[in-house]
Amino acid sequence: MTHPTTTNATNAPPAGTGAHTHWQRNLAVCMFGSFTTIIAMTLLLPFLPLYVEQLGVKDHAAIVQWSGAAYGATFFSAALVAPLWGRLADRYGRKPMLIRASLGMAVAMALIGLAGNVWQLVGLRLLAGLLGGYASGSMVLVATQTPKDRTGWALGTMSSAIMAGNLVGPLVGGVLPPLVGIRNTFFAAGAMIFVAFLATAFLIREEKKAPSASKQRGASDDTGWAAVPDKRPLVAMLFTGMLLMLANMSIEPIITVYVATLVDDPNRVTMMAGLVMSAAALGSILSASWLGKLADRVGHWNVIVGCLAVSALLLVPQAFVSSGWQLVVLRFLMGLSLGGLLPCIASVIRHNVPERVAGNMLGYSTSAQYTGQVAGPLLGGFVGGHIGMRAVFLGTCVLMAAGAGWNWLAKRR
C-alpha cells in the first residue's frame, strides 16, 4: 500500500516561495504515522470475536455484543477528546500532540495484548481512543504547516494514507494472528506505532509561531468558537464531515444481507461483501490527492459541492442493482467522488478560522466525523430493518443531495 505515497510524492507540486522548509518531510512522516496507527486500530476487526471468546465470554450473543462494544469504544472516546487535543495543539504545538498520541497508542496496543478479561479489553480500547488521535493531529499539523496554495494536495495525500490504513488494517488482522497469535499481533502493532513515535519525535520540524502573533492581546484572548468571526463555513464543514462518514457507513449493517440477495452462490456472499466494503475505500485512496490538487486550482468549496452531488447520483442505481459486481463498481465510483471531501473540508476550515484556533476547530471536525461514523450504521440498520434495504441507499442519497445544496448556498453567501 506504499504506491499512493510514492505516486503522490512524485507528482507533488513544487514548493512555493516562502514555504515552510520542512513541510514535505513533515507530510511524509505524518502519512507514515497515520497509516500505521490506523492499521493498528482496525486490524482487530477480523479476530475481535475470537479474542473476546478467549477472554472468557462463551455465549454467542454476548460475544457479538462485547465485540461491538470493544470496537466502538475507541471511536467513542476519541470523539469526546478530539476538540481538547486540538485546543492543546493550538496552545503547546502540534508536534507534542503527535508525540503524545503515538507513544500513548503504542503503550495502549501492547496493553490490549495483555488483557485478562473482556472488561479490561473495553477499558483499554477506551484508553486507546483517549490517548490516540494521531491521524487527526496529523491533519491539523499538515493543514497549518503547509503553504496555503498546497493545502488541498497535501491533505489529499494525508487522506490517502488514512484510508489506505483502513483498507490494509483488516487484511493484516486476517493474516497475522494465525502466524504469530492474537496477543503477539497486538504487540507487533504496538511496536509498529513505536517506530512512528520515533519518526515523529526526531524527524518532524514544526514552524514556531511568529512573536507578533502572541502580542495581539485582544484577538489572542479569544478562544474556540468566539475567535471565529463567520461561523457559517465552519458549521457547513462540520455537517459535511458528519455526512461523509454517515454515507460511508450507512450500508455497513445491511451489506452482507443485501449482497446475499444479489449472489446465487451462498459461498460467495462474504467474499463479495468484502469487495463491496473495500471498493469505496480503494476509490477514495486513488482520488484523494488528485481532487485535493484540483481543489487548490478551482476552489475547495466547488469540489465539495461537486463530490456531494455526484455521490448522491451514484447512490440511486445502488438501490436497484441486479448483481454483486454492479454494486462493487458503483461503490468504487462513489469512493472516487468521496475522496476529495476530507482534504477539502480541512482546507475550508483552515482558510476560514484564525490559525490560533485551527487545531481546536479541526478537532471539532474530527468529532463530527466520528459522530457520522457511529450514526451511520445505527441509522442504516434501523432503516434497513424497518423500511427496506433500498431505502438506505435512497435515504442517504437525499441527505447527500441536501448537503450539496446547503454547501452551494453557503458558498454563495
Protein backbone atom coordinates (compact mmCIF):
# COMPACT_ATOMS: atom_id res chain seq x y z
CA MET A 1 0.00 0.00 0.00
CA THR A 2 3.00 2.30 -0.41
CA HIS A 3 2.15 3.07 -4.02
CA PRO A 4 -0.19 6.01 -3.26
CA THR A 5 2.56 7.64 -1.19
CA THR A 6 5.18 7.13 -3.89
CA THR A 7 2.92 8.45 -6.62
CA ASN A 8 1.90 11.50 -4.62
CA ALA A 9 5.49 12.36 -3.78
CA THR A 10 6.46 12.10 -7.44
CA ASN A 11 3.61 14.33 -8.60
CA ALA A 12 3.91 16.82 -5.77
CA PRO A 13 3.63 20.43 -6.81
CA PRO A 14 6.82 22.41 -6.35
CA ALA A 15 7.12 24.20 -3.06
CA GLY A 16 6.19 27.82 -3.29
CA THR A 17 8.46 30.63 -2.31
CA GLY A 18 8.38 31.27 1.40
CA ALA A 19 7.03 27.81 2.12
CA HIS A 20 7.96 26.21 5.39
CA THR A 21 11.27 24.44 4.83
CA HIS A 22 10.26 21.10 6.27
CA TRP A 23 6.62 20.81 5.22
CA GLN A 24 7.19 17.99 2.73
CA ARG A 25 9.20 15.93 5.22
CA ASN A 26 6.56 16.57 7.87
CA LEU A 27 3.92 15.36 5.40
CA ALA A 28 5.84 12.13 4.71
CA VAL A 29 6.25 11.36 8.42
CA CYS A 30 2.61 12.17 9.17
CA MET A 31 1.48 9.90 6.33
CA PHE A 32 3.58 7.02 7.67
CA GLY A 33 2.41 7.58 11.24
CA SER A 34 -1.26 7.87 10.27
CA PHE A 35 -1.05 4.79 8.05
CA THR A 36 0.50 2.66 10.81
CA THR A 37 -1.74 3.88 13.63
CA ILE A 38 -4.92 3.36 11.59
CA ILE A 39 -3.75 -0.17 10.72
CA ALA A 40 -3.24 -0.85 14.41
CA MET A 41 -6.70 0.48 15.29
CA THR A 42 -8.53 -1.57 12.64
CA LEU A 43 -6.57 -4.82 12.39
CA LEU A 44 -8.57 -6.44 15.20
CA LEU A 45 -11.80 -6.45 13.17
CA PRO A 46 -11.40 -9.99 11.73
CA PHE A 47 -10.39 -11.66 15.00
CA LEU A 48 -12.07 -9.50 17.67
CA PRO A 49 -14.85 -12.06 18.40
CA LEU A 50 -12.19 -14.77 18.78
CA TYR A 51 -10.26 -12.64 21.26
CA VAL A 52 -13.44 -11.88 23.22
CA GLU A 53 -14.08 -15.61 23.41
CA GLN A 54 -10.51 -16.22 24.60
CA LEU A 55 -11.14 -13.72 27.40
CA GLY A 56 -13.93 -15.89 28.82
CA VAL A 57 -17.14 -14.89 27.01
CA LYS A 58 -18.88 -18.04 25.75
CA ASP A 59 -22.45 -17.10 24.81
CA HIS A 60 -22.74 -16.25 21.10
CA ALA A 61 -24.95 -13.19 21.60
CA ALA A 62 -22.67 -11.91 24.35
CA ILE A 63 -19.62 -12.33 22.11
CA VAL A 64 -21.25 -10.19 19.42
CA GLN A 65 -22.30 -7.53 21.93
CA TRP A 66 -18.90 -7.34 23.61
CA SER A 67 -17.15 -7.24 20.24
CA GLY A 68 -19.27 -4.29 19.17
CA ALA A 69 -18.65 -2.51 22.46
CA ALA A 70 -14.89 -3.08 22.26
CA TYR A 71 -14.64 -1.87 18.67
CA GLY A 72 -16.83 1.20 19.14
CA ALA A 73 -15.21 2.21 22.43
CA THR A 74 -12.16 3.70 20.74
CA PHE A 75 -14.16 5.91 18.37
CA PHE A 76 -16.49 7.00 21.19
CA SER A 77 -13.69 8.20 23.45
CA ALA A 78 -11.75 9.69 20.53
CA ALA A 79 -14.76 11.79 19.53
CA LEU A 80 -15.04 13.17 23.07
CA VAL A 81 -11.44 14.33 23.37
CA ALA A 82 -10.64 15.42 19.78
CA PRO A 83 -11.51 19.11 20.41
CA LEU A 84 -9.42 19.06 23.62
CA TRP A 85 -6.34 17.72 21.83
CA GLY A 86 -6.91 20.29 19.09
CA ARG A 87 -7.01 23.12 21.61
CA LEU A 88 -3.87 21.87 23.36
CA ALA A 89 -2.18 21.63 19.96
CA ASP A 90 -3.01 25.30 19.33
CA ARG A 91 -1.55 26.22 22.70
CA TYR A 92 1.53 24.00 23.01
CA GLY A 93 2.26 22.97 19.42
CA ARG A 94 1.12 20.23 17.04
CA LYS A 95 4.28 18.10 17.23
CA PRO A 96 3.97 17.48 21.02
CA MET A 97 0.42 16.21 20.46
CA LEU A 98 1.63 13.77 17.80
CA ILE A 99 4.38 12.55 20.11
CA ARG A 100 1.82 12.06 22.88
CA ALA A 101 -0.61 10.25 20.58
CA SER A 102 1.95 7.87 19.04
CA LEU A 103 3.56 6.95 22.35
CA GLY A 104 0.19 6.60 24.08
CA MET A 105 -1.20 4.38 21.33
CA ALA A 106 1.96 2.22 21.28
CA VAL A 107 1.55 1.56 25.02
CA ALA A 108 -2.22 1.02 24.74
CA MET A 109 -1.81 -1.52 21.91
CA ALA A 110 0.71 -3.52 23.92
CA LEU A 111 -1.56 -3.46 26.97
CA ILE A 112 -4.51 -4.73 24.89
CA GLY A 113 -2.39 -7.79 24.15
CA LEU A 114 -2.09 -8.33 27.93
CA ALA A 115 -5.84 -8.01 28.70
CA GLY A 116 -7.05 -10.60 31.19
CA ASN A 117 -10.81 -10.22 30.72
CA VAL A 118 -13.30 -8.53 28.45
CA TRP A 119 -13.80 -5.55 30.77
CA GLN A 120 -10.10 -4.79 30.53
CA LEU A 121 -10.32 -5.09 26.74
CA VAL A 122 -13.10 -2.50 26.52
CA GLY A 123 -11.35 -0.23 29.02
CA LEU A 124 -8.08 -0.39 27.10
CA ARG A 125 -9.90 0.33 23.83
CA LEU A 126 -11.39 3.41 25.52
CA LEU A 127 -7.87 4.34 26.66
CA ALA A 128 -6.56 3.97 23.11
CA GLY A 129 -9.18 6.45 21.92
CA LEU A 130 -8.41 8.88 24.72
CA LEU A 131 -4.65 8.78 24.17
CA GLY A 132 -4.77 8.49 20.38
CA GLY A 133 -5.74 10.90 17.67
CA TYR A 134 -2.54 10.70 15.64
CA ALA A 135 -4.32 10.82 12.27
CA SER A 136 -6.50 13.81 13.19
CA GLY A 137 -3.49 15.53 14.79
CA SER A 138 -1.52 14.97 11.60
CA MET A 139 -4.28 16.62 9.58
CA VAL A 140 -4.00 19.65 11.89
CA LEU A 141 -0.21 19.85 11.58
CA VAL A 142 -0.24 19.42 7.80
CA ALA A 143 -3.10 21.92 7.40
CA THR A 144 -1.30 24.59 9.40
CA GLN A 145 2.32 23.94 8.33
CA THR A 146 1.74 23.61 4.57
CA PRO A 147 1.68 26.65 2.26
CA LYS A 148 -1.95 27.59 1.68
CA ASP A 149 -1.73 27.06 -2.08
CA ARG A 150 -0.58 23.45 -1.47
CA THR A 151 -3.04 22.62 1.31
CA GLY A 152 -5.57 20.69 -0.80
CA TRP A 153 -2.93 18.43 -2.35
CA ALA A 154 -1.13 17.83 0.96
CA LEU A 155 -4.33 16.99 2.82
CA GLY A 156 -5.36 14.78 -0.09
CA THR A 157 -2.22 12.69 0.29
CA MET A 158 -2.86 12.52 4.03
CA SER A 159 -6.38 11.27 3.36
CA SER A 160 -4.98 8.62 1.03
CA ALA A 161 -2.69 7.35 3.79
CA ILE A 162 -5.53 7.28 6.34
CA MET A 163 -7.91 5.44 4.02
CA ALA A 164 -5.14 3.04 2.99
CA GLY A 165 -4.69 2.20 6.68
CA ASN A 166 -8.41 1.50 6.98
CA LEU A 167 -8.17 -0.80 3.97
CA VAL A 168 -4.97 -2.64 4.97
CA GLY A 169 -5.74 -2.99 8.70
CA PRO A 170 -8.40 -5.73 8.41
CA LEU A 171 -6.25 -7.54 5.83
CA VAL A 172 -3.30 -7.59 8.23
CA GLY A 173 -5.66 -8.69 11.00
CA GLY A 174 -6.76 -11.61 8.88
CA VAL A 175 -3.24 -12.79 8.03
CA LEU A 176 -1.11 -12.12 11.13
CA PRO A 177 -2.93 -13.86 14.05
CA PRO A 178 -2.75 -17.36 12.50
CA LEU A 179 1.00 -16.85 12.08
CA VAL A 180 2.01 -15.26 15.41
CA GLY A 181 -1.08 -15.46 17.64
CA ILE A 182 -3.64 -12.84 18.66
CA ARG A 183 -1.72 -11.36 21.60
CA ASN A 184 1.53 -11.13 19.62
CA THR A 185 -0.40 -9.32 16.88
CA PHE A 186 -1.17 -6.52 19.35
CA PHE A 187 2.48 -6.44 20.45
CA ALA A 188 3.55 -6.14 16.80
CA ALA A 189 1.06 -3.31 16.30
CA GLY A 190 2.45 -1.51 19.35
CA ALA A 191 5.99 -1.90 18.01
CA MET A 192 4.93 -0.52 14.63
CA ILE A 193 3.37 2.55 16.27
CA PHE A 194 6.54 2.99 18.38
CA VAL A 195 8.50 3.32 15.14
CA ALA A 196 6.06 6.07 14.14
CA PHE A 197 6.69 7.70 17.55
CA LEU A 198 10.45 7.73 16.91
CA ALA A 199 9.99 9.16 13.41
CA THR A 200 7.67 11.85 14.78
CA ALA A 201 10.00 12.80 17.62
CA PHE A 202 13.17 13.05 15.54
CA LEU A 203 12.08 13.97 12.01
CA ILE A 204 9.14 16.40 12.26
CA ARG A 205 10.05 20.07 12.44
CA GLU A 206 7.29 22.45 13.45
CA GLU A 207 7.49 26.09 12.49
CA LYS A 208 7.43 28.34 15.53
CA LYS A 209 4.71 30.95 15.82
CA ALA A 210 5.69 34.48 14.96
CA PRO A 211 6.32 36.56 18.13
CA SER A 212 3.89 39.22 16.90
CA ALA A 213 1.02 36.76 16.97
CA SER A 214 1.24 36.33 20.72
CA LYS A 215 1.30 40.08 21.28
CA GLN A 216 -2.12 40.68 19.79
CA ARG A 217 -3.74 40.56 23.19
CA GLY A 218 -7.28 41.50 22.20
CA ALA A 219 -7.56 38.87 19.48
CA SER A 220 -5.46 36.17 21.09
CA ASP A 221 -7.55 36.11 24.22
CA ASP A 222 -10.49 34.77 22.19
CA THR A 223 -10.53 31.01 22.09
CA GLY A 224 -12.70 28.41 20.45
CA TRP A 225 -15.89 29.49 18.73
CA ALA A 226 -15.58 33.07 19.96
CA ALA A 227 -12.45 33.52 17.83
CA VAL A 228 -14.24 32.63 14.56
CA PRO A 229 -15.75 35.78 13.02
CA ASP A 230 -18.01 33.99 10.49
CA LYS A 231 -19.15 30.61 11.76
CA ARG A 232 -21.24 29.62 8.71
CA PRO A 233 -18.37 27.98 6.75
CA LEU A 234 -17.28 26.10 9.87
CA VAL A 235 -20.79 24.82 10.60
CA ALA A 236 -21.18 23.75 6.97
CA MET A 237 -17.91 21.78 7.15
CA LEU A 238 -18.86 20.08 10.42
CA PHE A 239 -22.13 18.96 8.85
CA THR A 240 -20.36 17.84 5.66
CA GLY A 241 -17.79 15.78 7.58
CA MET A 242 -20.54 14.04 9.51
CA LEU A 243 -22.44 13.45 6.26
CA LEU A 244 -19.38 11.93 4.59
CA MET A 245 -18.89 9.31 7.29
CA LEU A 246 -22.63 8.65 7.54
CA ALA A 247 -22.76 7.96 3.79
CA ASN A 248 -19.75 5.66 4.00
CA MET A 249 -21.01 3.70 7.00
CA SER A 250 -24.79 3.60 6.48
CA ILE A 251 -24.67 0.40 4.40
CA GLU A 252 -22.33 -1.47 6.78
CA PRO A 253 -25.11 -3.25 8.77
CA ILE A 254 -27.03 -4.33 5.65
CA ILE A 255 -24.29 -5.01 3.12
CA THR A 256 -23.92 -8.76 3.66
CA VAL A 257 -27.70 -9.29 3.66
CA TYR A 258 -28.08 -7.08 0.57
CA VAL A 259 -25.30 -8.89 -1.29
CA ALA A 260 -26.95 -12.23 -0.44
CA THR A 261 -29.97 -11.13 -2.49
CA LEU A 262 -27.69 -10.45 -5.48
CA VAL A 263 -25.42 -13.51 -5.42
CA ASP A 264 -26.66 -17.00 -6.32
CA ASP A 265 -23.85 -18.95 -4.63
CA PRO A 266 -24.04 -18.62 -0.80
CA ASN A 267 -20.32 -19.41 -0.57
CA ARG A 268 -19.50 -16.22 -2.47
CA VAL A 269 -21.55 -13.86 -0.29
CA THR A 270 -18.85 -12.96 2.23
CA MET A 271 -16.19 -12.51 -0.46
CA MET A 272 -18.45 -10.22 -2.49
CA ALA A 273 -19.45 -8.27 0.63
CA GLY A 274 -15.77 -7.73 1.41
CA LEU A 275 -15.17 -6.43 -2.11
CA VAL A 276 -18.11 -4.05 -1.81
CA MET A 277 -16.81 -2.71 1.51
CA SER A 278 -13.27 -2.25 0.15
CA ALA A 279 -14.27 -0.72 -3.19
CA ALA A 280 -15.23 2.70 -1.81
CA ALA A 281 -12.03 2.92 0.28
CA LEU A 282 -9.90 2.00 -2.74
CA GLY A 283 -11.61 4.62 -4.90
CA SER A 284 -11.02 7.29 -2.25
CA ILE A 285 -7.35 6.35 -1.93
CA LEU A 286 -6.86 6.78 -5.67
CA SER A 287 -8.73 10.09 -5.99
CA ALA A 288 -7.95 11.99 -2.77
CA SER A 289 -4.66 13.64 -3.77
CA TRP A 290 -5.85 14.41 -7.33
CA LEU A 291 -9.08 16.00 -6.11
CA GLY A 292 -7.13 17.91 -3.46
CA LYS A 293 -4.82 19.31 -6.14
CA LEU A 294 -7.83 20.16 -8.31
CA ALA A 295 -9.39 21.98 -5.36
CA ASP A 296 -6.25 24.12 -4.99
CA ARG A 297 -6.91 25.34 -8.55
CA VAL A 298 -10.71 25.61 -8.81
CA GLY A 299 -11.67 26.17 -5.17
CA HIS A 300 -12.20 23.74 -2.31
CA TRP A 301 -15.89 24.55 -1.92
CA ASN A 302 -16.57 23.87 -5.61
CA VAL A 303 -15.06 20.40 -5.27
CA ILE A 304 -17.11 19.71 -2.12
CA VAL A 305 -20.39 20.60 -3.85
CA GLY A 306 -19.46 18.52 -6.90
CA CYS A 307 -18.38 15.48 -4.84
CA LEU A 308 -21.59 15.50 -2.80
CA ALA A 309 -23.77 15.88 -5.89
CA VAL A 310 -22.02 13.04 -7.79
CA SER A 311 -22.20 10.78 -4.72
CA ALA A 312 -25.93 11.45 -4.41
CA LEU A 313 -26.45 10.47 -8.05
CA LEU A 314 -24.41 7.27 -7.66
CA LEU A 315 -26.49 6.14 -4.67
CA VAL A 316 -29.65 5.83 -6.76
CA PRO A 317 -28.54 2.94 -9.02
CA GLN A 318 -27.05 1.17 -5.97
CA ALA A 319 -30.62 0.63 -4.76
CA PHE A 320 -31.58 -1.14 -7.99
CA VAL A 321 -28.55 -3.27 -8.93
CA SER A 322 -29.11 -6.83 -10.09
CA SER A 323 -25.65 -8.31 -9.45
CA GLY A 324 -22.87 -8.02 -6.90
CA TRP A 325 -20.32 -6.73 -9.40
CA GLN A 326 -22.57 -3.81 -10.31
CA LEU A 327 -22.59 -2.81 -6.64
CA VAL A 328 -18.78 -3.14 -6.42
CA VAL A 329 -18.31 -0.84 -9.44
CA LEU A 330 -20.79 1.74 -8.14
CA ARG A 331 -19.21 1.77 -4.66
CA PHE A 332 -15.78 2.22 -6.28
CA LEU A 333 -17.07 5.18 -8.30
CA MET A 334 -18.65 6.61 -5.18
CA GLY A 335 -15.31 6.25 -3.38
CA LEU A 336 -13.67 8.21 -6.19
CA SER A 337 -16.17 11.04 -5.67
CA LEU A 338 -15.94 10.98 -1.85
CA GLY A 339 -12.13 11.02 -1.85
CA GLY A 340 -11.99 14.79 -2.25
CA LEU A 341 -14.17 15.63 0.73
CA LEU A 342 -11.84 15.15 3.72
CA PRO A 343 -8.95 17.29 2.38
CA CYS A 344 -11.34 19.98 1.14
CA ILE A 345 -13.22 20.10 4.47
CA ALA A 346 -9.95 20.63 6.34
CA SER A 347 -8.82 23.25 3.79
CA VAL A 348 -12.05 25.27 4.05
CA ILE A 349 -11.80 25.23 7.85
CA ARG A 350 -8.18 26.32 7.72
CA HIS A 351 -8.96 29.21 5.37
CA ASN A 352 -11.96 30.43 7.41
CA VAL A 353 -10.74 30.33 11.02
CA PRO A 354 -7.84 32.13 12.71
CA GLU A 355 -4.71 29.98 12.84
CA ARG A 356 -4.53 30.22 16.64
CA VAL A 357 -7.73 28.12 16.90
CA ALA A 358 -7.27 25.99 13.76
CA GLY A 359 -6.40 22.88 15.78
CA ASN A 360 -9.41 23.29 18.03
CA MET A 361 -11.79 23.72 15.09
CA LEU A 362 -10.28 20.78 13.19
CA GLY A 363 -10.76 18.79 16.39
CA TYR A 364 -14.47 19.59 16.29
CA SER A 365 -14.44 18.47 12.66
CA THR A 366 -12.94 15.13 13.71
CA SER A 367 -15.63 14.72 16.38
CA ALA A 368 -18.33 15.42 13.79
CA GLN A 369 -16.85 12.76 11.52
CA TYR A 370 -16.81 10.23 14.36
CA THR A 371 -20.45 11.13 15.04
CA GLY A 372 -21.27 10.21 11.44
CA GLN A 373 -19.24 7.02 11.80
CA VAL A 374 -21.37 5.99 14.78
CA ALA A 375 -24.72 7.32 13.50
CA GLY A 376 -24.35 5.83 10.01
CA PRO A 377 -24.55 2.15 10.99
CA LEU A 378 -27.29 2.85 13.55
CA LEU A 379 -29.41 4.76 11.05
CA GLY A 380 -28.72 2.31 8.22
CA GLY A 381 -29.59 -0.68 10.39
CA PHE A 382 -32.83 0.92 11.60
CA VAL A 383 -33.99 1.99 8.12
CA GLY A 384 -32.92 -1.29 6.54
CA GLY A 385 -34.72 -3.34 9.16
CA HIS A 386 -37.97 -1.37 9.30
CA ILE A 387 -38.38 0.11 5.81
CA GLY A 388 -36.16 -1.89 3.47
CA MET A 389 -32.59 -2.09 2.24
CA ARG A 390 -33.19 0.03 -0.84
CA ALA A 391 -34.45 2.81 1.40
CA VAL A 392 -30.98 3.02 2.98
CA PHE A 393 -29.40 3.98 -0.35
CA LEU A 394 -32.21 6.32 -1.35
CA GLY A 395 -32.33 7.98 2.07
CA THR A 396 -28.57 8.53 2.04
CA CYS A 397 -28.96 9.97 -1.48
CA VAL A 398 -31.41 12.58 -0.18
CA LEU A 399 -29.01 13.53 2.63
CA MET A 400 -26.06 13.88 0.25
CA ALA A 401 -28.12 15.99 -2.17
CA ALA A 402 -29.24 18.20 0.72
CA GLY A 403 -25.61 18.55 1.78
CA ALA A 404 -24.62 19.60 -1.75
CA GLY A 405 -27.39 22.18 -1.83
CA TRP A 406 -26.52 23.58 1.59
CA ASN A 407 -22.83 23.89 0.71
CA TRP A 408 -23.71 25.60 -2.57
CA LEU A 409 -25.84 28.17 -0.73
CA ALA A 410 -23.21 28.64 1.98
CA LYS A 411 -20.54 29.21 -0.69
CA ARG A 412 -22.70 31.86 -2.42
CA ARG A 413 -23.18 33.70 0.86
